[in-house]
Protein backbone atom coordinates (compact mmCIF):
# COMPACT_ATOMS: atom_id res chain seq x y z
CA MET A 1 -25.88 28.11 4.62
CA PHE A 2 -27.78 24.85 4.71
CA ARG A 3 -28.37 22.45 7.55
CA ALA A 4 -26.52 19.16 7.57
CA THR A 5 -28.55 16.00 6.94
CA ARG A 6 -28.15 12.40 8.02
CA LEU A 7 -29.12 9.21 6.22
CA GLY A 8 -28.23 6.06 8.12
CA PRO A 9 -25.90 3.66 6.26
CA ASP A 10 -28.48 0.89 6.73
CA SER A 11 -31.46 2.89 5.41
CA PRO A 12 -33.26 1.34 2.44
CA SER A 13 -32.10 4.10 0.08
CA ALA A 14 -28.45 3.86 1.15
CA LEU A 15 -28.50 0.08 0.81
CA TRP A 16 -30.11 0.37 -2.63
CA ALA A 17 -27.46 2.84 -3.82
CA ARG A 18 -24.56 0.65 -2.66
CA ASP A 19 -25.23 -1.99 -5.32
CA PRO A 20 -24.64 0.18 -8.42
CA LEU A 21 -21.98 2.21 -6.59
CA THR A 22 -20.08 -1.05 -5.95
CA ARG A 23 -20.76 -2.83 -9.24
CA THR A 24 -19.53 -0.10 -11.61
CA PRO A 25 -16.05 0.47 -10.13
CA GLY A 26 -15.74 -3.06 -8.71
CA ALA A 27 -15.15 -1.81 -5.16
CA PRO A 28 -17.48 -0.75 -2.35
CA PRO A 29 -18.00 2.98 -1.73
CA ALA A 30 -16.91 4.79 1.41
CA VAL A 31 -20.15 5.53 3.24
CA LEU A 32 -20.44 8.70 5.31
CA PRO A 33 -23.82 9.16 7.02
CA ASN A 34 -23.57 12.94 7.59
CA PRO A 35 -23.24 15.14 4.51
CA GLY A 36 -22.22 18.66 5.53
CA GLY A 37 -24.28 21.76 5.15
CA SER A 38 -22.84 23.19 1.93
CA LEU A 39 -25.53 21.70 -0.36
CA PRO A 40 -29.32 22.10 -0.01
CA ASN A 41 -29.98 18.48 1.01
CA ASP A 42 -32.09 19.71 3.92
CA VAL A 43 -34.68 21.15 1.51
CA PHE A 44 -35.35 17.69 0.06
CA VAL A 45 -35.20 15.92 3.40
CA GLU A 46 -37.42 18.28 5.38
CA ILE A 47 -40.12 19.43 2.93
CA PRO A 48 -41.06 16.36 0.82
CA GLY A 49 -39.38 13.88 3.20
CA MET A 50 -37.06 12.39 0.56
CA PRO A 51 -33.82 10.68 1.57
CA ALA A 52 -30.69 12.51 0.38
CA VAL A 53 -27.90 10.34 -1.01
CA ARG A 54 -24.79 12.27 -2.08
CA VAL A 55 -22.20 10.72 -4.37
CA PRO A 56 -19.11 12.92 -4.54
CA PRO A 57 -16.54 11.53 -7.00
CA SER A 58 -13.44 11.81 -4.89
CA HIS A 59 -10.76 9.81 -3.12
CA PRO A 60 -9.79 9.75 0.58
CA ALA A 61 -6.61 11.83 0.20
CA CYS A 62 -7.99 14.59 -2.03
CA SER A 63 -7.95 17.23 0.75
CA GLN A 64 -11.29 18.53 -0.49
CA HIS A 65 -11.60 22.32 -0.06
CA ALA A 66 -8.11 22.55 1.45
CA PRO A 67 -5.30 24.66 -0.06
CA ASP A 68 -3.71 21.49 -1.44
CA GLU A 69 -6.92 20.00 -2.88
CA HIS A 70 -6.28 17.79 -5.88
CA ALA A 71 -7.91 15.19 -8.10
CA MET A 72 -6.15 12.31 -9.76
CA ALA A 73 -6.69 12.19 -13.53
CA ALA A 74 -8.87 9.07 -13.31
CA THR A 75 -11.23 10.51 -10.67
CA PRO A 76 -13.56 12.55 -12.96
CA GLU A 77 -13.84 9.69 -15.47
CA ALA A 78 -14.57 7.18 -12.70
CA GLY A 79 -17.16 9.58 -11.24
CA LEU A 80 -18.96 9.79 -14.59
CA ALA A 81 -19.00 5.99 -14.92
CA ILE A 82 -20.27 5.52 -11.36
CA MET A 83 -23.07 8.07 -11.78
CA THR A 84 -24.03 6.56 -15.14
CA GLY A 85 -24.40 3.17 -13.42
CA LEU A 86 -26.44 4.68 -10.61
CA TRP A 87 -28.79 6.54 -12.99
CA TRP A 88 -29.09 3.43 -15.18
CA ASP A 89 -30.18 1.35 -12.21
CA LEU A 90 -32.56 4.08 -11.11
CA GLY A 91 -34.35 3.78 -14.47
CA GLU A 92 -34.06 0.02 -14.97
CA ARG A 93 -35.11 -1.15 -11.51
CA ASP A 94 -37.99 0.65 -9.99
CA GLY A 95 -35.68 3.08 -8.22
CA PRO A 96 -34.86 3.03 -4.55
CA PRO A 97 -37.44 1.84 -2.06
CA ALA A 98 -39.84 4.45 -0.77
CA SER A 99 -38.49 5.69 2.51
CA ARG A 100 -40.17 8.97 3.36
CA GLY A 101 -38.65 10.58 6.38
CA ALA A 102 -35.52 8.41 6.23
CA GLY A 103 -33.21 11.41 6.28
CA VAL A 104 -33.08 13.72 9.25
CA ALA A 105 -31.99 17.35 9.03
CA THR A 106 -29.90 18.42 11.97
CA PRO A 107 -28.86 21.89 13.09
CA ALA A 108 -25.52 22.97 11.64
């Protein structure tokens, strides 16, 4: 079990990530400030003080982790394209702005 983390939607890293996450698919992403505690984001947030930005390729009605969870055929392909754009921008521009301590781990 991992502790949930929070990165404010207006943090420098979240704002930086919105540009490639919007440009590649041509639509803005859904921004959720509180990733749950099923991934080790807290390790990166608490120890080195790095912001944690998660990009799950999904859609609002996927029922993630529910008995009727599903993915539309285009979702994995779109996810690959979006992440390619994000990684491209990470290498081409000098990456996201330094924002140590921007994420906050919270008790689960």
